[in-house]
Amino acid sequence: MIDHAQDCALLAPAESRSVELALAIEQSGRRFVANTSSACNVEPWNGHAGRASLAAADFRLFDGPACGSGEACPDFSAQAAPMRFGYFGIVFSGPGVAVTHGVDNWRVTVWR
């Protein structure tokens, strides 16, 4: 299981209609993004963004080679390849709009 938390803010609310952030995992040349995201559409800061108890089934392949038949993707087992964590930003807005958002206190906890 993985817990993810962050504080986030839309620093210039007039610039965009909606910004959402989702946890991303990179493992074995593949990138996965969580199926759920957190809205960062408030000013000054949203301290409740993130998700708890994420399992492998809570992620989808976003980039990289397809997973083989019977292969765990992403692989949360103790024998799995190392994981790198980041976040995936989604902006819902019209063309040509600048977005200014902030992320602070970003953290990931991996439970065994």
N, C-alpha and C. Protein backbone atom coordinates (compact mmCIF):
# COMPACT_ATOMS: atom_id res chain seq x y z
N MET A 1 0.83 -1.18 0.00
CA MET A 1 0.00 0.00 0.00
C MET A 1 0.88 1.25 0.00
N ILE A 2 0.35 2.28 -0.61
CA ILE A 2 1.05 3.56 -0.69
C ILE A 2 0.09 4.66 -0.25
N ASP A 3 0.59 5.55 0.60
CA ASP A 3 -0.14 6.77 0.95
C ASP A 3 0.58 7.94 0.30
N HIS A 4 -0.19 8.88 -0.19
CA HIS A 4 0.36 10.07 -0.84
C HIS A 4 -0.35 11.29 -0.28
N ALA A 5 0.42 12.31 0.07
CA ALA A 5 -0.18 13.55 0.58
C ALA A 5 0.61 14.74 0.08
N GLN A 6 -0.06 15.86 0.00
CA GLN A 6 0.59 17.10 -0.45
C GLN A 6 -0.29 18.28 -0.06
N ASP A 7 0.32 19.43 0.05
CA ASP A 7 -0.40 20.68 0.12
C ASP A 7 -0.29 21.30 -1.26
N CYS A 8 -1.36 21.88 -1.76
CA CYS A 8 -1.29 22.49 -3.09
C CYS A 8 -2.21 23.70 -3.15
N ALA A 9 -1.91 24.55 -4.12
CA ALA A 9 -2.71 25.77 -4.28
C ALA A 9 -2.68 26.22 -5.73
N LEU A 10 -3.76 26.78 -6.14
CA LEU A 10 -3.81 27.49 -7.42
C LEU A 10 -3.43 28.93 -7.07
N LEU A 11 -2.21 29.34 -7.42
CA LEU A 11 -1.67 30.61 -6.95
C LEU A 11 -2.25 31.82 -7.67
N ALA A 12 -2.77 31.63 -8.85
CA ALA A 12 -3.41 32.72 -9.59
C ALA A 12 -4.73 32.18 -10.13
N PRO A 13 -5.78 32.17 -9.32
CA PRO A 13 -7.04 31.52 -9.69
C PRO A 13 -7.66 32.00 -11.00
N ALA A 14 -7.39 33.21 -11.40
CA ALA A 14 -7.99 33.72 -12.64
C ALA A 14 -7.39 33.07 -13.88
N GLU A 15 -6.24 32.41 -13.71
CA GLU A 15 -5.54 31.86 -14.87
C GLU A 15 -6.11 30.54 -15.37
N SER A 16 -6.78 29.80 -14.55
CA SER A 16 -7.20 28.47 -14.95
C SER A 16 -8.52 28.10 -14.29
N ARG A 17 -9.20 27.20 -14.90
CA ARG A 17 -10.46 26.73 -14.32
C ARG A 17 -10.23 25.60 -13.33
N SER A 18 -9.28 24.72 -13.61
CA SER A 18 -9.10 23.56 -12.75
C SER A 18 -7.71 22.96 -12.93
N VAL A 19 -7.06 22.64 -11.82
CA VAL A 19 -5.78 21.93 -11.81
C VAL A 19 -5.97 20.72 -10.91
N GLU A 20 -5.60 19.55 -11.40
CA GLU A 20 -5.66 18.34 -10.60
C GLU A 20 -4.31 17.65 -10.65
N LEU A 21 -3.92 17.04 -9.54
CA LEU A 21 -2.65 16.33 -9.44
C LEU A 21 -2.89 14.89 -9.02
N ALA A 22 -2.13 13.98 -9.63
CA ALA A 22 -2.23 12.56 -9.31
C ALA A 22 -0.83 12.01 -9.06
N LEU A 23 -0.72 11.04 -8.19
CA LEU A 23 0.55 10.38 -7.91
C LEU A 23 1.00 9.60 -9.14
N ALA A 24 2.28 9.69 -9.46
CA ALA A 24 2.86 8.94 -10.58
C ALA A 24 3.98 8.04 -10.06
N ILE A 25 4.12 6.88 -10.69
CA ILE A 25 5.18 5.92 -10.36
C ILE A 25 5.93 5.59 -11.64
N GLU A 26 7.25 5.55 -11.55
CA GLU A 26 8.07 5.05 -12.66
C GLU A 26 8.76 3.78 -12.17
N GLN A 27 8.61 2.71 -12.94
CA GLN A 27 9.20 1.43 -12.57
C GLN A 27 9.50 0.64 -13.84
N SER A 28 10.73 0.19 -13.98
CA SER A 28 11.15 -0.67 -15.10
C SER A 28 10.81 -0.06 -16.46
N GLY A 29 11.05 1.25 -16.62
CA GLY A 29 10.81 1.89 -17.90
C GLY A 29 9.36 2.20 -18.21
N ARG A 30 8.50 2.02 -17.23
CA ARG A 30 7.07 2.31 -17.40
C ARG A 30 6.66 3.41 -16.44
N ARG A 31 5.70 4.20 -16.88
CA ARG A 31 5.14 5.24 -16.01
C ARG A 31 3.66 4.94 -15.77
N PHE A 32 3.29 4.99 -14.51
CA PHE A 32 1.92 4.74 -14.09
C PHE A 32 1.38 5.98 -13.39
N VAL A 33 0.10 6.23 -13.55
CA VAL A 33 -0.54 7.35 -12.87
C VAL A 33 -1.74 6.81 -12.09
N ALA A 34 -1.96 7.38 -10.91
CA ALA A 34 -3.10 6.95 -10.09
C ALA A 34 -4.41 7.26 -10.79
N ASN A 35 -5.38 6.39 -10.59
CA ASN A 35 -6.70 6.57 -11.20
C ASN A 35 -7.48 7.72 -10.57
N THR A 36 -7.07 8.18 -9.40
CA THR A 36 -7.74 9.29 -8.73
C THR A 36 -6.79 10.47 -8.61
N SER A 37 -7.33 11.66 -8.65
CA SER A 37 -6.52 12.87 -8.54
C SER A 37 -7.10 13.78 -7.46
N SER A 38 -6.32 14.78 -7.09
CA SER A 38 -6.74 15.75 -6.08
C SER A 38 -6.83 17.13 -6.72
N ALA A 39 -7.91 17.83 -6.46
CA ALA A 39 -8.09 19.17 -7.01
C ALA A 39 -7.24 20.17 -6.23
N CYS A 40 -6.58 21.04 -6.97
CA CYS A 40 -5.78 22.12 -6.38
C CYS A 40 -6.32 23.44 -6.93
N ASN A 41 -7.54 23.73 -6.57
CA ASN A 41 -8.24 24.87 -7.15
C ASN A 41 -8.56 25.95 -6.14
N VAL A 42 -7.83 25.96 -5.04
CA VAL A 42 -8.14 26.92 -3.99
C VAL A 42 -6.94 27.81 -3.71
N GLU A 43 -7.23 28.90 -3.06
CA GLU A 43 -6.20 29.82 -2.63
C GLU A 43 -6.48 30.11 -1.17
N PRO A 44 -5.60 30.08 -0.22
CA PRO A 44 -4.19 29.96 -0.47
C PRO A 44 -3.69 28.53 -0.63
N TRP A 45 -4.00 27.59 0.29
CA TRP A 45 -3.46 26.24 0.20
C TRP A 45 -4.51 25.21 0.61
N ASN A 46 -4.50 24.08 -0.10
CA ASN A 46 -5.34 22.92 0.23
C ASN A 46 -4.44 21.91 0.91
N GLY A 47 -4.60 21.73 2.20
CA GLY A 47 -3.75 20.81 2.94
C GLY A 47 -4.30 19.40 2.99
N HIS A 48 -5.34 19.12 2.25
CA HIS A 48 -5.98 17.80 2.32
C HIS A 48 -5.86 17.03 1.02
N ALA A 49 -4.95 17.43 0.15
CA ALA A 49 -4.82 16.76 -1.14
C ALA A 49 -4.02 15.47 -0.97
N GLY A 50 -4.34 14.47 -1.77
CA GLY A 50 -3.64 13.20 -1.73
C GLY A 50 -4.61 12.05 -1.55
N ARG A 51 -4.06 10.86 -1.50
CA ARG A 51 -4.87 9.65 -1.36
C ARG A 51 -4.15 8.66 -0.43
N ALA A 52 -4.92 7.84 0.26
CA ALA A 52 -4.36 6.84 1.16
C ALA A 52 -4.71 5.44 0.67
N SER A 53 -3.91 4.48 1.09
CA SER A 53 -4.14 3.05 0.83
C SER A 53 -4.24 2.72 -0.65
N LEU A 54 -3.36 3.30 -1.45
CA LEU A 54 -3.34 2.99 -2.88
C LEU A 54 -2.66 1.64 -3.10
N ALA A 55 -3.28 0.79 -3.89
CA ALA A 55 -2.74 -0.52 -4.26
C ALA A 55 -2.37 -0.48 -5.74
N ALA A 56 -1.71 -1.52 -6.22
CA ALA A 56 -1.30 -1.57 -7.63
C ALA A 56 -2.49 -1.38 -8.56
N ALA A 57 -3.64 -1.90 -8.19
CA ALA A 57 -4.84 -1.79 -9.04
C ALA A 57 -5.34 -0.35 -9.15
N ASP A 58 -4.84 0.55 -8.30
CA ASP A 58 -5.26 1.95 -8.33
C ASP A 58 -4.46 2.78 -9.33
N PHE A 59 -3.59 2.14 -10.12
CA PHE A 59 -2.75 2.83 -11.09
C PHE A 59 -2.99 2.27 -12.48
N ARG A 60 -2.80 3.13 -13.49
CA ARG A 60 -2.91 2.68 -14.88
C ARG A 60 -1.62 3.04 -15.61
N LEU A 61 -1.27 2.25 -16.60
CA LEU A 61 -0.09 2.51 -17.41
C LEU A 61 -0.32 3.76 -18.24
N PHE A 62 0.61 4.69 -18.15
CA PHE A 62 0.50 5.95 -18.89
C PHE A 62 1.51 6.02 -20.03
N ASP A 63 2.70 5.45 -19.81
CA ASP A 63 3.77 5.54 -20.80
C ASP A 63 4.70 4.35 -20.63
N GLY A 64 5.24 3.86 -21.74
CA GLY A 64 6.19 2.76 -21.69
C GLY A 64 5.61 1.50 -22.30
N PRO A 65 6.42 0.44 -22.30
CA PRO A 65 5.97 -0.81 -22.92
C PRO A 65 4.79 -1.42 -22.17
N ALA A 66 3.95 -2.09 -22.93
CA ALA A 66 2.79 -2.76 -22.34
C ALA A 66 3.24 -3.83 -21.35
N CYS A 67 2.41 -4.10 -20.39
CA CYS A 67 2.70 -5.14 -19.40
C CYS A 67 2.39 -6.50 -20.00
N GLY A 68 3.25 -7.47 -19.72
CA GLY A 68 3.05 -8.81 -20.24
C GLY A 68 1.93 -9.54 -19.52
N SER A 69 1.46 -10.61 -20.13
CA SER A 69 0.40 -11.42 -19.54
C SER A 69 0.87 -11.98 -18.20
N GLY A 70 0.10 -11.76 -17.17
CA GLY A 70 0.44 -12.27 -15.84
C GLY A 70 1.47 -11.43 -15.10
N GLU A 71 1.96 -10.36 -15.71
CA GLU A 71 2.96 -9.50 -15.07
C GLU A 71 2.27 -8.49 -14.15
N ALA A 72 2.82 -8.30 -12.97
CA ALA A 72 2.28 -7.30 -12.04
C ALA A 72 2.76 -5.92 -12.45
N CYS A 73 1.84 -5.04 -12.76
CA CYS A 73 2.18 -3.69 -13.23
C CYS A 73 1.28 -2.66 -12.58
N PRO A 74 1.79 -1.76 -11.77
CA PRO A 74 3.13 -1.79 -11.21
C PRO A 74 3.27 -2.93 -10.20
N ASP A 75 4.49 -3.29 -9.93
CA ASP A 75 4.77 -4.42 -9.05
C ASP A 75 5.07 -3.90 -7.65
N PHE A 76 4.19 -4.19 -6.71
CA PHE A 76 4.35 -3.75 -5.32
C PHE A 76 5.02 -4.82 -4.45
N SER A 77 5.47 -5.91 -5.03
CA SER A 77 6.05 -6.99 -4.22
C SER A 77 7.44 -6.60 -3.70
N ALA A 78 7.91 -7.33 -2.70
CA ALA A 78 9.23 -7.08 -2.12
C ALA A 78 10.35 -7.34 -3.13
N GLN A 79 10.11 -8.17 -4.13
CA GLN A 79 11.12 -8.49 -5.14
C GLN A 79 11.08 -7.55 -6.34
N ALA A 80 10.22 -6.58 -6.33
CA ALA A 80 10.00 -5.70 -7.48
C ALA A 80 11.19 -4.78 -7.73
N ALA A 81 11.26 -4.28 -8.95
CA ALA A 81 12.26 -3.27 -9.31
C ALA A 81 11.99 -2.00 -8.51
N PRO A 82 13.01 -1.17 -8.31
CA PRO A 82 12.81 0.09 -7.58
C PRO A 82 11.75 0.97 -8.23
N MET A 83 11.10 1.77 -7.41
CA MET A 83 10.10 2.73 -7.88
C MET A 83 10.62 4.15 -7.67
N ARG A 84 10.26 5.02 -8.60
CA ARG A 84 10.49 6.46 -8.43
C ARG A 84 9.12 7.12 -8.44
N PHE A 85 8.95 8.11 -7.57
CA PHE A 85 7.65 8.75 -7.41
C PHE A 85 7.69 10.20 -7.88
N GLY A 86 6.56 10.65 -8.37
CA GLY A 86 6.39 12.04 -8.78
C GLY A 86 4.91 12.34 -8.86
N TYR A 87 4.58 13.44 -9.51
CA TYR A 87 3.16 13.74 -9.68
C TYR A 87 2.87 14.13 -11.11
N PHE A 88 1.65 13.89 -11.51
CA PHE A 88 1.15 14.14 -12.86
C PHE A 88 0.11 15.25 -12.74
N GLY A 89 0.33 16.35 -13.46
CA GLY A 89 -0.59 17.47 -13.40
C GLY A 89 -1.54 17.49 -14.59
N ILE A 90 -2.79 17.78 -14.31
CA ILE A 90 -3.82 17.87 -15.34
C ILE A 90 -4.45 19.26 -15.23
N VAL A 91 -4.47 19.99 -16.32
CA VAL A 91 -5.05 21.33 -16.33
C VAL A 91 -6.26 21.34 -17.26
N PHE A 92 -7.38 21.79 -16.74
CA PHE A 92 -8.59 21.93 -17.54
C PHE A 92 -8.81 23.42 -17.78
N SER A 93 -8.53 23.85 -19.01
CA SER A 93 -8.61 25.27 -19.32
C SER A 93 -8.64 25.46 -20.82
N GLY A 94 -8.81 26.67 -21.24
CA GLY A 94 -8.77 26.98 -22.66
C GLY A 94 -7.34 27.09 -23.16
N PRO A 95 -7.15 27.15 -24.47
CA PRO A 95 -5.81 27.24 -25.04
C PRO A 95 -5.13 28.57 -24.69
N GLY A 96 -3.82 28.51 -24.55
CA GLY A 96 -3.03 29.71 -24.32
C GLY A 96 -3.11 30.28 -22.92
N VAL A 97 -3.60 29.52 -21.97
CA VAL A 97 -3.75 30.01 -20.60
C VAL A 97 -2.54 29.57 -19.78
N ALA A 98 -1.92 30.51 -19.08
CA ALA A 98 -0.81 30.18 -18.18
C ALA A 98 -1.37 29.67 -16.86
N VAL A 99 -0.67 28.74 -16.25
CA VAL A 99 -1.11 28.17 -14.98
C VAL A 99 -0.01 28.34 -13.95
N THR A 100 -0.36 28.86 -12.80
CA THR A 100 0.58 29.01 -11.70
C THR A 100 0.01 28.28 -10.50
N HIS A 101 0.61 27.14 -10.17
CA HIS A 101 0.16 26.41 -8.99
C HIS A 101 1.36 26.03 -8.15
N GLY A 102 1.13 25.72 -6.91
CA GLY A 102 2.21 25.36 -6.01
C GLY A 102 1.95 24.03 -5.33
N VAL A 103 3.04 23.32 -5.04
CA VAL A 103 2.98 22.06 -4.31
C VAL A 103 4.01 22.15 -3.18
N ASP A 104 3.61 21.78 -1.98
CA ASP A 104 4.50 21.82 -0.83
C ASP A 104 4.20 20.61 0.05
N ASN A 105 5.15 20.26 0.89
CA ASN A 105 4.98 19.14 1.82
C ASN A 105 4.57 17.86 1.11
N TRP A 106 5.14 17.63 -0.05
CA TRP A 106 4.82 16.47 -0.87
C TRP A 106 5.46 15.24 -0.24
N ARG A 107 4.68 14.19 -0.04
CA ARG A 107 5.24 12.99 0.59
C ARG A 107 4.54 11.72 0.12
N VAL A 108 5.32 10.65 0.12
CA VAL A 108 4.82 9.32 -0.22
C VAL A 108 5.29 8.37 0.88
N THR A 109 4.38 7.55 1.36
CA THR A 109 4.72 6.53 2.36
C THR A 109 4.41 5.17 1.76
N VAL A 110 5.41 4.30 1.74
CA VAL A 110 5.24 2.94 1.22
C VAL A 110 5.16 2.01 2.42
N TRP A 111 4.07 1.26 2.49
CA TRP A 111 3.83 0.34 3.60
C TRP A 111 4.14 -1.08 3.16
N ARG A 112 4.81 -1.82 3.99
CA ARG A 112 5.11 -3.23 3.68
C ARG A 112 4.19 -4.13 4.46
